[in-house]
């Protein structure tokens, strides 16, 4: 597809991304720069990025990847350690972290896809990757058992600030880029091949699609985005350790992606952002009063959505918004 043709076809989606970015950018002003609210929103937004990135491997390629925090943690720790030990700015460290995460994905992906590991076996393998990385970084020669903290510095050079609005705006811009990457993949030859692989891998291979190659491209792209944003995640968390390789959170990313709707950019964004926000709110408001109640409510919400709309948020949008749109057209006629 020529660039001009792609721009013409994607114009309304690009406008939508710009509108989303503009709305998100003014939210700190609407909250009167309340730091707790901005921190919650920034954390929810970065989860939106993680889930939209997961859409590349899980939504388009149909691979149930449960290893998100292997790549997030690796990228974040690489960038953080480069700054702590060598004084390298995270503007360089984040790209090196992305490269490290992409390298890990390629090392894992080549034999995995070469031997045809897929579906539940791929899910188990990717989940095991997080546990393996957790144990490696727990070794005294790597990070050990202690929590590690970033230096007490501030400014754009370090991407650390005394208040949260600047990092919030950075995450907003990053989200727009990740949505644009999704859009470009979706409307490209790679996107069509990945969807064919998702629908039926054997048929796609019979049609001449290099299944292993394109699944590896999707995995490396997804991992590099997560690795790049890993440092920002560390900044928002305030610390990093071997616990950053978090298996339950990795599973949560995949759940949010499925609930959002496989292959839907808007659905995965809404799912990642809203479910993380709801989860944090429930934990903050109910977790201390009745331990575990927030997790129960959060889990019930996911089950209800899964039962009544298997296509997730994207299915809800198509069912109700398009129905109303079609009804309005009929009434006008």
Protein backbone atom coordinates (compact mmCIF):
# COMPACT_ATOMS: atom_id res chain seq x y z
CA UNK A 1 0.00 0.00 0.00
CA UNK A 2 1.40 3.40 -1.04
CA UNK A 3 1.96 5.99 1.68
CA UNK A 4 -0.63 8.38 0.18
CA UNK A 5 -3.22 5.62 0.03
CA UNK A 6 -2.42 4.63 3.63
CA UNK A 7 -2.82 8.23 4.79
CA UNK A 8 -6.17 8.56 3.00
CA UNK A 9 -7.49 5.32 4.47
CA UNK A 10 -6.16 6.04 7.98
CA UNK A 11 -7.05 9.75 8.15
CA UNK A 12 -10.00 9.39 10.51
CA UNK A 13 -8.01 7.09 12.82
CA UNK A 14 -5.08 9.52 12.94
CA UNK A 15 -7.48 12.35 13.77
CA UNK A 16 -8.95 10.16 16.52
CA UNK A 17 -5.47 9.54 17.98
CA UNK A 18 -4.75 13.29 17.97
CA UNK A 19 -8.08 14.02 19.67
CA UNK A 20 -7.39 11.39 22.34
CA UNK A 21 -3.94 12.91 22.92
CA UNK A 22 -5.34 16.44 23.18
CA UNK A 23 -8.04 15.40 25.66
CA UNK A 24 -5.56 13.51 27.81
CA UNK A 25 -3.10 16.43 27.73
CA UNK A 26 -5.56 18.85 29.36
CA UNK A 27 -6.64 16.50 32.16
CA UNK A 28 -3.95 17.73 34.62
CA UNK A 29 -5.39 21.24 34.27
CA UNK A 30 -8.89 19.91 34.99
CA UNK A 31 -7.62 18.22 38.18
CA UNK A 32 -5.89 21.46 39.32
CA UNK A 33 -2.65 19.47 39.16
CA UNK A 34 -3.62 17.18 42.03
CA UNK A 35 -0.51 14.99 42.24
CA UNK A 36 -2.21 11.82 43.49
CA UNK A 37 -4.77 11.92 40.68
CA UNK A 38 -2.11 12.59 38.04
CA UNK A 39 -0.01 9.69 39.33
CA UNK A 40 -3.00 7.35 39.14
CA UNK A 41 -3.81 8.53 35.61
CA UNK A 42 -0.19 8.25 34.46
CA UNK A 43 0.00 4.69 35.83
CA UNK A 44 -3.28 3.80 34.12
CA UNK A 45 -2.03 5.33 30.85
CA UNK A 46 1.19 3.36 30.89
CA UNK A 47 -0.87 0.20 31.35
CA UNK A 48 -2.89 1.38 28.36
CA UNK A 49 0.39 1.45 26.41
CA UNK A 50 1.30 -2.04 27.59
CA UNK A 51 -2.06 -3.45 26.52
CA UNK A 52 -2.07 -1.64 23.15
CA UNK A 53 1.45 -3.03 22.56
CA UNK A 54 0.22 -6.50 23.59
CA UNK A 55 -2.41 -6.14 20.87
CA UNK A 56 0.36 -6.58 18.26
CA UNK A 57 1.29 -10.08 19.42
CA UNK A 58 -2.00 -11.10 21.07
CA UNK A 59 -4.60 -9.28 18.97
CA UNK A 60 -3.15 -9.36 15.47
CA UNK A 61 -0.98 -12.49 15.65
CA UNK A 62 -3.27 -14.38 18.04
CA UNK A 63 -0.47 -15.48 20.40
CA UNK A 64 -1.52 -15.61 24.07
CA UNK A 65 1.63 -13.98 25.42
CA UNK A 66 1.90 -13.90 29.23
CA UNK A 67 5.43 -12.53 29.41
CA UNK A 68 4.89 -8.76 29.32
CA UNK A 69 6.74 -8.00 32.52
CA UNK A 70 9.81 -9.93 31.41
CA UNK A 71 10.30 -7.25 28.75
CA UNK A 72 9.06 -4.29 30.82
CA UNK A 73 11.31 -5.15 33.75
CA UNK A 74 14.37 -5.94 31.63
CA UNK A 75 14.12 -2.69 29.67
CA UNK A 76 13.47 -0.65 32.80
CA UNK A 77 16.32 -2.21 34.78
CA UNK A 78 18.80 -1.85 31.90
CA UNK A 79 18.00 1.87 31.49
CA UNK A 80 17.99 2.45 35.26
CA UNK A 81 21.31 0.69 35.86
CA UNK A 82 22.95 2.52 32.95
CA UNK A 83 21.97 5.81 34.56
CA UNK A 84 22.91 4.78 38.11
CA UNK A 85 26.26 3.16 37.28
CA UNK A 86 27.44 5.07 34.20
CA UNK A 87 25.38 8.28 34.29
CA UNK A 88 23.87 7.55 30.86
CA UNK A 89 20.73 9.58 30.21
CA UNK A 90 17.54 7.49 29.97
CA UNK A 91 16.96 9.02 26.53
CA UNK A 92 19.73 6.65 25.43
CA UNK A 93 19.10 4.01 28.10
CA UNK A 94 15.46 3.53 27.08
CA UNK A 95 16.49 2.65 23.52
CA UNK A 96 19.13 0.25 24.85
CA UNK A 97 16.49 -1.23 27.16
CA UNK A 98 14.19 -1.65 24.18
CA UNK A 99 17.00 -3.38 22.29
CA UNK A 100 17.67 -5.70 25.24
CA UNK A 101 13.99 -6.64 25.47
CA UNK A 102 13.74 -7.19 21.70
CA UNK A 103 16.89 -9.32 21.88
CA UNK A 104 15.38 -11.45 24.64
CA UNK A 105 12.19 -11.84 22.58
CA UNK A 106 14.18 -12.95 19.54
CA UNK A 107 16.26 -15.41 21.58
CA UNK A 108 13.06 -16.94 22.96
CA UNK A 109 11.01 -16.57 19.78
CA UNK A 110 13.32 -18.25 17.27
CA UNK A 111 13.30 -21.74 18.85
CA UNK A 112 9.72 -21.35 20.07
CA UNK A 113 8.29 -20.59 16.65
CA UNK A 114 10.77 -22.87 14.88
CA UNK A 115 9.39 -25.89 16.73
CA UNK A 116 5.78 -24.79 16.31
CA UNK A 117 5.00 -24.09 19.96
CA UNK A 118 1.67 -22.26 20.10
CA UNK A 119 -1.64 -21.81 21.91
CA UNK A 120 -1.59 -22.98 25.56
CA UNK A 121 2.02 -24.19 25.32
CA UNK A 122 3.17 -20.79 24.11
CA UNK A 123 1.21 -19.13 26.93
CA UNK A 124 2.88 -21.37 29.52
CA UNK A 125 6.33 -20.78 28.03
CA UNK A 126 5.93 -16.99 28.03
CA UNK A 127 4.63 -17.06 31.61
CA UNK A 128 7.62 -19.19 32.64
CA UNK A 129 9.95 -16.59 31.09
CA UNK A 130 8.87 -14.03 33.71
CA UNK A 131 9.57 -16.50 36.54
CA UNK A 132 12.96 -17.42 35.07
CA UNK A 133 13.99 -13.76 34.75
CA UNK A 134 12.74 -13.12 38.29
CA UNK A 135 15.01 -15.86 39.63
CA UNK A 136 18.02 -14.77 37.56
CA UNK A 137 17.80 -11.17 38.77
CA UNK A 138 17.26 -12.37 42.34
CA UNK A 139 20.78 -13.80 42.35
CA UNK A 140 23.25 -11.82 44.52
CA UNK A 141 25.49 -11.29 41.48
CA UNK A 142 22.69 -9.42 39.67
CA UNK A 143 20.21 -7.42 41.80
CA UNK A 144 19.92 -9.55 44.92
CA UNK A 145 17.05 -9.22 47.37
CA UNK A 146 17.19 -5.47 47.95
CA UNK A 147 15.06 -2.76 46.39
CA UNK A 148 16.98 -0.31 44.20
CA UNK A 149 16.18 3.38 43.80
CA UNK A 150 16.90 5.92 41.10
CA UNK A 151 19.16 8.88 42.01
CA UNK A 152 17.44 11.92 43.55
CA UNK A 153 17.75 14.10 40.46
CA UNK A 154 15.23 15.95 38.35
CA UNK A 155 14.91 17.36 34.86
CA UNK A 156 14.23 16.19 31.32
CA UNK A 157 17.78 14.81 31.03
CA UNK A 158 16.90 12.21 33.69
CA UNK A 159 13.17 12.07 32.90
CA UNK A 160 12.49 12.55 36.61
CA UNK A 161 10.56 15.46 38.08
CA UNK A 162 9.45 16.69 41.51
CA UNK A 163 5.84 16.59 40.28
CA UNK A 164 4.05 14.09 38.02
CA UNK A 165 2.51 16.20 35.24
CA UNK A 166 5.62 16.15 33.01
CA UNK A 167 5.97 12.39 33.13
CA UNK A 168 2.20 12.17 32.54
CA UNK A 169 2.53 14.25 29.37
CA UNK A 170 5.47 12.12 28.24
CA UNK A 171 3.37 8.97 28.68
CA UNK A 172 0.54 10.62 26.72
CA UNK A 173 2.84 11.32 23.76
CA UNK A 174 4.25 7.78 23.97
CA UNK A 175 0.71 6.39 23.92
CA UNK A 176 -0.06 8.29 20.72
CA UNK A 177 3.06 6.84 19.06
CA UNK A 178 2.21 3.29 20.14
CA UNK A 179 -1.34 3.68 18.81
CA UNK A 180 0.12 4.96 15.53
CA UNK A 181 2.46 1.96 15.33
CA UNK A 182 -0.56 -0.32 15.84
CA UNK A 183 -2.44 1.53 13.13
CA UNK A 184 0.45 1.25 10.67
CA UNK A 185 0.80 -2.47 11.34
CA UNK A 186 -2.96 -3.01 11.07
CA UNK A 187 -3.12 -1.42 7.60
CA UNK A 188 0.08 -2.98 6.28
CA UNK A 189 0.97 -6.29 4.67
CA UNK A 190 2.37 -7.43 8.02
CA UNK A 191 -0.99 -6.78 9.69
CA UNK A 192 -2.89 -8.77 7.07
CA UNK A 193 -0.45 -11.67 7.42
CA UNK A 194 -0.68 -11.61 11.22
CA UNK A 195 -4.48 -11.71 11.10
CA UNK A 196 -4.31 -14.64 8.70
CA UNK A 197 -1.99 -16.42 11.15
CA UNK A 198 -4.41 -15.67 13.99
CA UNK A 199 -7.37 -17.14 12.11
CA UNK A 200 -5.63 -20.34 11.01
CA UNK A 201 -1.87 -20.76 11.22
CA UNK A 202 -1.75 -23.90 9.07
CA UNK A 203 -3.81 -22.34 6.28
CA UNK A 204 -1.68 -19.19 6.40
CA UNK A 205 1.44 -21.30 6.00
CA UNK A 206 -0.15 -23.21 3.13
CA UNK A 207 -0.84 -19.88 1.39
CA UNK A 208 2.87 -19.08 1.45
CA UNK A 209 3.05 -16.79 4.50
CA UNK A 210 6.28 -17.15 6.45
CA UNK A 211 4.52 -17.78 9.77
CA UNK A 212 7.66 -17.96 11.91
CA UNK A 213 9.07 -14.73 10.49
CA UNK A 214 5.96 -12.62 11.01
CA UNK A 215 5.25 -13.97 14.49
CA UNK A 216 8.84 -13.11 15.40
CA UNK A 217 8.42 -9.59 13.98
CA UNK A 218 5.25 -9.12 16.07
CA UNK A 219 6.93 -10.45 19.22
CA UNK A 220 10.05 -8.28 18.80
CA UNK A 221 7.98 -5.16 18.10
CA UNK A 222 5.81 -5.75 21.16
CA UNK A 223 8.82 -6.50 23.37
CA UNK A 224 10.76 -3.42 22.22
CA UNK A 225 7.83 -1.10 23.04
CA UNK A 226 7.51 -2.62 26.50
CA UNK A 227 11.28 -2.43 27.04
CA UNK A 228 11.36 1.23 26.02
CA UNK A 229 8.58 2.12 28.46
CA UNK A 230 10.12 0.04 31.25
CA UNK A 231 12.17 2.95 32.58
CA UNK A 232 9.07 5.16 32.81
CA UNK A 233 7.34 2.36 34.73
CA UNK A 234 10.28 2.30 37.17
CA UNK A 235 10.04 6.10 37.59
CA UNK A 236 6.31 5.84 38.41
CA UNK A 237 6.89 2.95 40.82
CA UNK A 238 9.83 4.72 42.46
CA UNK A 239 11.89 1.54 42.78
CA UNK A 240 12.98 -1.61 40.98
CA UNK A 241 14.10 -5.08 42.05
CA UNK A 242 13.75 -8.70 40.98
CA UNK A 243 10.07 -8.29 41.97
CA UNK A 244 9.64 -6.06 38.90
CA UNK A 245 9.52 -9.32 36.92
CA UNK A 246 5.91 -9.73 38.01
CA UNK A 247 4.07 -12.80 36.69
CA UNK A 248 0.56 -11.88 37.96
CA UNK A 249 0.80 -8.42 36.34
CA UNK A 250 1.89 -10.06 33.07
CA UNK A 251 -1.23 -12.22 33.12
CA UNK A 252 -3.25 -9.07 33.88
CA UNK A 253 -1.93 -7.40 30.72
CA UNK A 254 -3.14 -10.34 28.62
CA UNK A 255 -6.54 -10.32 30.38
CA UNK A 256 -6.95 -6.61 29.68
CA UNK A 257 -6.04 -7.20 26.03
CA UNK A 258 -8.63 -9.95 25.66
CA UNK A 259 -11.31 -7.91 27.45
CA UNK A 260 -10.54 -4.95 25.18
CA UNK A 261 -11.12 -7.01 22.06
CA UNK A 262 -8.48 -8.79 19.98
CA UNK A 263 -7.17 -6.53 17.23
CA UNK A 264 -8.96 -3.41 18.46
CA UNK A 265 -6.69 -0.44 19.19
CA UNK A 266 -9.40 1.62 20.90
CA UNK A 267 -10.76 -1.38 22.80
CA UNK A 268 -7.38 -2.38 24.24
CA UNK A 269 -6.61 1.22 25.20
CA UNK A 270 -9.94 1.62 27.02
CA UNK A 271 -9.52 -1.77 28.69
CA UNK A 272 -5.96 -1.18 29.89
CA UNK A 273 -6.62 2.34 31.10
CA UNK A 274 -10.02 1.81 32.74
CA UNK A 275 -9.40 -1.60 34.32
CA UNK A 276 -6.09 -0.50 35.82
CA UNK A 277 -7.74 2.67 37.14
CA UNK A 278 -10.64 0.67 38.61
CA UNK A 279 -8.26 -1.89 40.11
CA UNK A 280 -6.12 0.78 41.78
CA UNK A 281 -9.18 2.62 43.07
CA UNK A 282 -10.68 -0.55 44.54
CA UNK A 283 -7.39 -1.52 46.14
CA UNK A 284 -6.97 1.94 47.64
CA UNK A 285 -10.56 2.26 48.88
CA UNK A 286 -11.45 -1.32 49.84
CA UNK A 287 -8.18 -3.25 50.06
CA UNK A 288 -7.30 -2.04 53.56
CA UNK A 289 -10.87 -2.40 54.89
CA UNK A 290 -11.58 -5.92 53.64
CA UNK A 291 -8.39 -7.51 52.32
CA UNK A 292 -8.94 -9.16 48.96
CA UNK A 293 -12.38 -7.62 48.32
CA UNK A 294 -10.97 -5.33 45.63
CA UNK A 295 -9.57 -8.36 43.78
CA UNK A 296 -12.92 -10.15 44.04
CA UNK A 297 -14.84 -7.18 42.59
CA UNK A 298 -12.23 -6.69 39.87
CA UNK A 299 -12.40 -10.39 38.97
CA UNK A 300 -16.21 -10.40 38.88
CA UNK A 301 -16.16 -7.40 36.56
CA UNK A 302 -13.88 -9.26 34.14
CA UNK A 303 -16.04 -12.41 34.31
CA UNK A 304 -19.25 -10.46 33.61
CA UNK A 305 -17.77 -8.72 30.58
CA UNK A 306 -16.37 -12.02 29.32
CA UNK A 307 -19.72 -13.82 29.65
CA UNK A 308 -22.01 -11.19 28.15
CA UNK A 309 -19.68 -9.87 25.45
CA UNK A 310 -16.92 -12.33 24.43
CA UNK A 311 -15.53 -9.78 21.96
CA UNK A 312 -14.84 -7.40 24.84
CA UNK A 313 -15.14 -3.64 24.78
CA UNK A 314 -14.71 -3.60 21.00
CA UNK A 315 -17.73 -5.92 20.67
CA UNK A 316 -19.82 -3.68 22.95
CA UNK A 317 -18.92 -0.68 20.80
CA UNK A 318 -19.78 -2.47 17.55
CA UNK A 319 -23.03 -3.86 18.92
CA UNK A 320 -24.50 -0.69 20.39
CA UNK A 321 -22.86 2.25 18.64
CA UNK A 322 -23.13 0.79 15.16
CA UNK A 323 -26.72 -0.33 15.86
CA UNK A 324 -27.68 3.23 16.85
CA UNK A 325 -25.82 4.60 13.84
CA UNK A 326 -27.60 2.23 11.46
CA UNK A 327 -30.97 3.01 13.09
CA UNK A 328 -30.44 6.76 12.63
CA UNK A 329 -29.62 6.24 8.95
CA UNK A 330 -32.77 4.18 8.45
CA UNK A 331 -34.94 6.80 10.19
CA UNK A 332 -33.53 9.55 7.98
CA UNK A 333 -34.50 7.59 4.88
